């Protein structure tokens, strides 16, 4: 009797769960739209906010840029060497450089930069920041004091994390391209014509646009998803999740962006 009586409640429970997830995703998209508008608005940057934003950019980018670049260079060196040696052993040395650029620069470096910022800063919204800004993003566009408090609360962190992903991906890509040239052609300048021709063939206009768009979407996802999740009320008690706000959703968004990029490029 108890099992049969609980069956009619299942569609209602599923409907409530679906509605809750839909509201949560809408809240994230809404917050992302508001955050992008605020980041691009000159009125968001008075003297105090510029100082706060510069502090976050320094903490999330400049402090980690040297050793992240060294780490990315070491990993790039290993991957480039593996690809070049394997291509030469199979008589495909003419495709080694193009394969390195397509796999390492176009795919791995932007994703690794996004994951690095995610692990270091993107999920580091503490409970104090969430409590101080909770309720600032209602279902209608925020106005007045809520907008000002949002600018004073999370905007600097969102801007800093966005800039960090873009800067780390750009610097690491340049380093990887330089290492690829050295490992393929050595320090001779005579390889520049072939090198630029190969890289230019890879970075045709549509691919370059897609690469830039994917990197920007990665940066916005890393900055926006954890911040939006920190504004949502979290369940309390024994059933509360120990996963940091937005962690699963952020990795899902990154996976969807990467899958969409690969689909549009190769299919």
Protein backbone atom coordinates (compact mmCIF):
# COMPACT_ATOMS: atom_id res chain seq x y z
CA UNK A 1 0.00 0.00 0.00
CA UNK A 2 2.74 2.43 0.91
CA UNK A 3 4.66 1.79 -2.30
CA UNK A 4 1.59 2.15 -4.49
CA UNK A 5 0.49 5.28 -2.68
CA UNK A 6 3.86 6.91 -3.29
CA UNK A 7 3.78 6.35 -7.05
CA UNK A 8 1.53 9.33 -7.87
CA UNK A 9 3.91 11.65 -6.04
CA UNK A 10 6.89 10.75 -8.23
CA UNK A 11 5.90 12.93 -11.24
CA UNK A 12 5.34 15.82 -8.87
CA UNK A 13 8.76 15.34 -7.26
CA UNK A 14 10.43 15.11 -10.65
CA UNK A 15 8.59 18.21 -11.78
CA UNK A 16 9.70 20.16 -8.72
CA UNK A 17 13.30 19.02 -9.20
CA UNK A 18 13.19 19.96 -12.89
CA UNK A 19 11.72 23.35 -12.04
CA UNK A 20 14.38 23.91 -9.36
CA UNK A 21 17.19 23.08 -11.79
CA UNK A 22 15.66 25.27 -14.50
CA UNK A 23 15.44 28.20 -12.09
CA UNK A 24 19.02 27.61 -11.02
CA UNK A 25 20.28 27.66 -14.62
CA UNK A 26 18.20 30.75 -15.38
CA UNK A 27 19.66 32.43 -12.30
CA UNK A 28 23.17 31.63 -13.58
CA UNK A 29 22.45 32.99 -17.07
CA UNK A 30 20.82 36.10 -15.62
CA UNK A 31 23.74 36.75 -13.31
CA UNK A 32 26.18 36.21 -16.18
CA UNK A 33 24.37 38.75 -18.37
CA UNK A 34 24.33 41.30 -15.54
CA UNK A 35 28.02 40.67 -14.76
CA UNK A 36 29.07 41.11 -18.41
CA UNK A 37 27.12 44.37 -18.67
CA UNK A 38 28.68 45.66 -15.45
CA UNK A 39 32.19 44.65 -16.56
CA UNK A 40 31.75 46.57 -19.81
CA UNK A 41 30.14 49.59 -18.17
CA UNK A 42 32.52 52.51 -17.46
CA UNK A 43 30.34 53.57 -14.52
CA UNK A 44 31.32 50.39 -12.69
CA UNK A 45 34.88 51.59 -12.21
CA UNK A 46 35.28 54.49 -9.84
CA UNK A 47 38.54 54.91 -7.95
CA UNK A 48 37.75 52.43 -5.18
CA UNK A 49 36.39 49.79 -7.56
CA UNK A 50 39.35 50.18 -9.92
CA UNK A 51 41.68 49.61 -6.98
CA UNK A 52 39.72 46.55 -5.87
CA UNK A 53 39.62 45.15 -9.41
CA UNK A 54 43.34 45.76 -9.89
CA UNK A 55 44.01 43.92 -6.63
CA UNK A 56 42.06 40.88 -7.81
CA UNK A 57 43.77 40.93 -11.22
CA UNK A 58 47.14 41.07 -9.49
CA UNK A 59 46.21 38.22 -7.12
CA UNK A 60 44.68 35.95 -9.76
CA UNK A 61 47.01 36.68 -12.69
CA UNK A 62 50.30 38.39 -11.98
CA UNK A 63 51.18 36.38 -8.87
CA UNK A 64 50.73 33.05 -10.66
CA UNK A 65 51.73 34.01 -14.21
CA UNK A 66 55.49 33.27 -13.91
CA UNK A 67 55.28 29.79 -12.43
CA UNK A 68 52.18 28.85 -14.43
CA UNK A 69 54.08 29.85 -17.58
CA UNK A 70 57.05 27.72 -16.51
CA UNK A 71 54.77 24.77 -15.79
CA UNK A 72 52.94 25.20 -19.09
CA UNK A 73 56.28 25.46 -20.92
CA UNK A 74 57.53 22.22 -19.36
CA UNK A 75 54.33 20.35 -20.22
CA UNK A 76 54.35 21.83 -23.73
CA UNK A 77 57.97 20.81 -24.16
CA UNK A 78 57.18 17.21 -23.26
CA UNK A 79 54.08 17.02 -25.49
CA UNK A 80 55.78 18.69 -28.45
CA UNK A 81 58.76 16.36 -28.16
CA UNK A 82 56.50 13.30 -28.04
CA UNK A 83 54.52 14.42 -31.08
CA UNK A 84 57.61 15.34 -33.12
CA UNK A 85 59.48 12.12 -32.35
CA UNK A 86 56.40 10.00 -33.06
CA UNK A 87 55.70 11.80 -36.35
CA UNK A 88 59.32 11.39 -37.49
CA UNK A 89 59.35 7.70 -36.62
CA UNK A 90 56.30 7.16 -38.84
CA UNK A 91 57.57 9.34 -41.67
CA UNK A 92 55.02 12.08 -41.01
CA UNK A 93 57.37 14.85 -39.93
CA UNK A 94 55.67 17.33 -42.27
CA UNK A 95 52.51 17.06 -40.16
CA UNK A 96 54.16 17.30 -36.75
CA UNK A 97 54.02 21.06 -36.39
CA UNK A 98 50.43 21.32 -37.56
CA UNK A 99 49.40 18.58 -35.13
CA UNK A 100 51.14 20.36 -32.26
CA UNK A 101 49.40 23.64 -32.99
CA UNK A 102 45.97 22.05 -33.39
CA UNK A 103 46.11 19.85 -30.31
CA UNK A 104 48.21 21.88 -27.89
CA UNK A 105 47.42 25.50 -28.71
CA UNK A 106 43.85 25.23 -29.93
CA UNK A 107 42.56 22.66 -27.44
CA UNK A 108 44.71 21.90 -24.41
CA UNK A 109 46.05 25.30 -23.40
CA UNK A 110 42.72 27.20 -23.14
CA UNK A 111 41.15 24.31 -21.23
CA UNK A 112 44.13 23.96 -18.89
CA UNK A 113 44.10 27.69 -18.15
CA UNK A 114 40.39 27.55 -17.36
CA UNK A 115 40.81 24.53 -15.10
CA UNK A 116 43.76 26.12 -13.33
CA UNK A 117 41.88 29.32 -12.54
CA UNK A 118 38.88 27.22 -11.53
CA UNK A 119 40.88 25.23 -9.00
CA UNK A 120 42.78 28.24 -7.67
CA UNK A 121 40.29 31.06 -7.65
CA UNK A 122 37.08 30.32 -9.52
CA UNK A 123 35.64 28.20 -6.71
CA UNK A 124 37.10 30.22 -3.83
CA UNK A 125 34.01 32.27 -3.09
CA UNK A 126 33.80 31.94 0.68
CA UNK A 127 30.69 31.99 2.80
CA UNK A 128 31.27 35.59 3.79
CA UNK A 129 31.11 36.79 0.21
CA UNK A 130 27.99 34.72 -0.38
CA UNK A 131 26.26 36.08 2.74
CA UNK A 132 27.22 39.67 2.05
CA UNK A 133 25.78 39.52 -1.48
CA UNK A 134 22.93 37.04 -0.95
CA UNK A 135 19.66 38.24 -2.39
CA UNK A 136 21.23 40.85 -4.64
CA UNK A 137 20.07 39.21 -7.85
CA UNK A 138 16.27 39.01 -7.86
CA UNK A 139 14.17 37.62 -10.66
CA UNK A 140 13.89 41.09 -12.19
CA UNK A 141 16.90 43.12 -13.28
CA UNK A 142 18.62 44.56 -10.19
CA UNK A 143 18.27 48.27 -9.66
CA UNK A 144 19.44 50.91 -7.21
CA UNK A 145 21.21 49.71 -4.10
CA UNK A 146 21.26 46.06 -5.18
CA UNK A 147 23.19 46.97 -8.32
CA UNK A 148 25.64 49.08 -6.33
CA UNK A 149 26.16 46.32 -3.78
CA UNK A 150 26.70 43.84 -6.58
CA UNK A 151 29.35 46.10 -8.06
CA UNK A 152 31.02 46.39 -4.67
CA UNK A 153 30.69 42.68 -3.93
CA UNK A 154 31.50 40.20 -6.70
CA UNK A 155 32.30 42.32 -9.74
CA UNK A 156 36.02 42.63 -8.93
CA UNK A 157 36.33 38.86 -8.44
CA UNK A 158 34.45 38.11 -11.66
CA UNK A 159 36.58 40.57 -13.62
CA UNK A 160 39.80 39.26 -12.10
CA UNK A 161 39.01 35.62 -12.88
CA UNK A 162 37.95 36.47 -16.43
CA UNK A 163 41.15 38.39 -17.08
CA UNK A 164 43.23 35.62 -15.49
CA UNK A 165 41.98 32.91 -17.87
CA UNK A 166 42.52 35.14 -20.91
CA UNK A 167 46.01 36.20 -19.84
CA UNK A 168 47.22 32.72 -18.89
CA UNK A 169 45.87 31.20 -22.11
CA UNK A 170 47.43 33.94 -24.26
CA UNK A 171 50.88 33.79 -22.66
CA UNK A 172 50.94 29.98 -22.63
CA UNK A 173 49.93 29.84 -26.30
CA UNK A 174 52.75 32.19 -27.28
CA UNK A 175 55.27 30.17 -25.26
CA UNK A 176 54.03 26.91 -26.83
CA UNK A 177 54.34 28.34 -30.34
CA UNK A 178 57.89 29.49 -29.66
CA UNK A 179 58.84 26.11 -28.21
CA UNK A 180 57.31 24.35 -31.20
CA UNK A 181 59.46 26.37 -33.57
CA UNK A 182 62.64 25.69 -31.60
CA UNK A 183 62.01 21.94 -31.33
CA UNK A 184 61.10 21.57 -35.00
CA UNK A 185 63.54 24.00 -36.68
CA UNK A 186 66.08 24.74 -33.97
CA UNK A 187 67.39 28.28 -33.51
CA UNK A 188 67.87 28.85 -37.24
CA UNK A 189 65.83 31.69 -38.78
CA UNK A 190 65.49 29.75 -42.05
CA UNK A 191 62.48 27.87 -40.79
CA UNK A 192 60.36 31.00 -40.38
CA UNK A 193 58.70 30.90 -43.84
CA UNK A 194 57.54 27.30 -43.44
CA UNK A 195 56.61 27.85 -39.82
CA UNK A 196 54.48 30.93 -40.46
CA UNK A 197 52.85 29.21 -43.44
CA UNK A 198 51.88 26.18 -41.33
CA UNK A 199 50.63 28.24 -38.39
CA UNK A 200 48.73 30.53 -40.73
CA UNK A 201 47.09 27.53 -42.38
CA UNK A 202 45.94 26.30 -38.97
CA UNK A 203 44.77 29.70 -37.76
CA UNK A 204 42.57 30.52 -40.71
CA UNK A 205 40.07 33.31 -39.93
CA UNK A 206 37.17 31.10 -38.87
CA UNK A 207 39.43 28.93 -36.67
CA UNK A 208 41.05 31.97 -35.09
CA UNK A 209 37.64 33.45 -34.35
CA UNK A 210 36.45 30.16 -32.86
CA UNK A 211 39.60 29.90 -30.73
CA UNK A 212 39.13 33.43 -29.38
CA UNK A 213 35.41 32.88 -28.75
CA UNK A 214 36.03 29.58 -26.95
CA UNK A 215 38.66 31.15 -24.72
CA UNK A 216 36.36 34.05 -23.84
CA UNK A 217 33.52 31.63 -23.05
CA UNK A 218 35.86 29.60 -20.86
CA UNK A 219 36.86 32.75 -19.00
CA UNK A 220 33.28 33.89 -18.48
CA UNK A 221 32.22 30.42 -17.32
CA UNK A 222 35.03 30.21 -14.76
CA UNK A 223 34.19 33.68 -13.46
CA UNK A 224 30.39 33.58 -13.55
CA UNK A 225 29.28 30.06 -12.62
CA UNK A 226 30.84 29.88 -9.13
CA UNK A 227 29.78 33.45 -8.37
CA UNK A 228 26.19 32.76 -9.42
CA UNK A 229 26.15 29.55 -7.40
CA UNK A 230 27.42 31.36 -4.31
CA UNK A 231 24.39 33.67 -4.46
CA UNK A 232 21.92 30.80 -4.39
CA UNK A 233 20.67 29.44 -1.05
CA UNK A 234 22.28 26.10 -0.23
CA UNK A 235 20.49 23.28 1.60
CA UNK A 236 21.40 22.92 5.24
CA UNK A 237 21.56 19.88 7.44
CA UNK A 238 22.60 16.29 6.84
CA UNK A 239 21.53 16.31 3.21
CA UNK A 240 23.59 19.35 2.32
CA UNK A 241 26.21 18.80 -0.34
CA UNK A 242 29.88 19.22 0.53
CA UNK A 243 30.77 20.11 -3.06
CA UNK A 244 31.73 23.75 -3.51
CA UNK A 245 29.05 25.94 -5.12
CA UNK A 246 28.81 25.48 -8.87
CA UNK A 247 31.63 22.91 -9.16
CA UNK A 248 29.70 20.26 -11.08
CA UNK A 249 27.86 22.83 -13.16
CA UNK A 250 31.07 24.63 -14.06
CA UNK A 251 32.78 21.48 -15.30
CA UNK A 252 29.63 20.64 -17.26
CA UNK A 253 29.64 24.09 -18.88
CA UNK A 254 33.34 23.77 -19.78
CA UNK A 255 32.69 20.33 -21.27
CA UNK A 256 29.77 21.65 -23.33
CA UNK A 257 31.83 24.57 -24.65
CA UNK A 258 34.70 22.27 -25.63
CA UNK A 259 32.34 19.73 -27.23
CA UNK A 260 30.57 22.46 -29.20
CA UNK A 261 33.92 23.85 -30.38
CA UNK A 262 35.13 20.44 -31.58
CA UNK A 263 31.80 19.72 -33.27
CA UNK A 264 31.74 23.00 -35.18
CA UNK A 265 35.39 22.67 -36.19
CA UNK A 266 35.59 19.09 -37.35
CA UNK A 267 32.03 18.14 -38.38
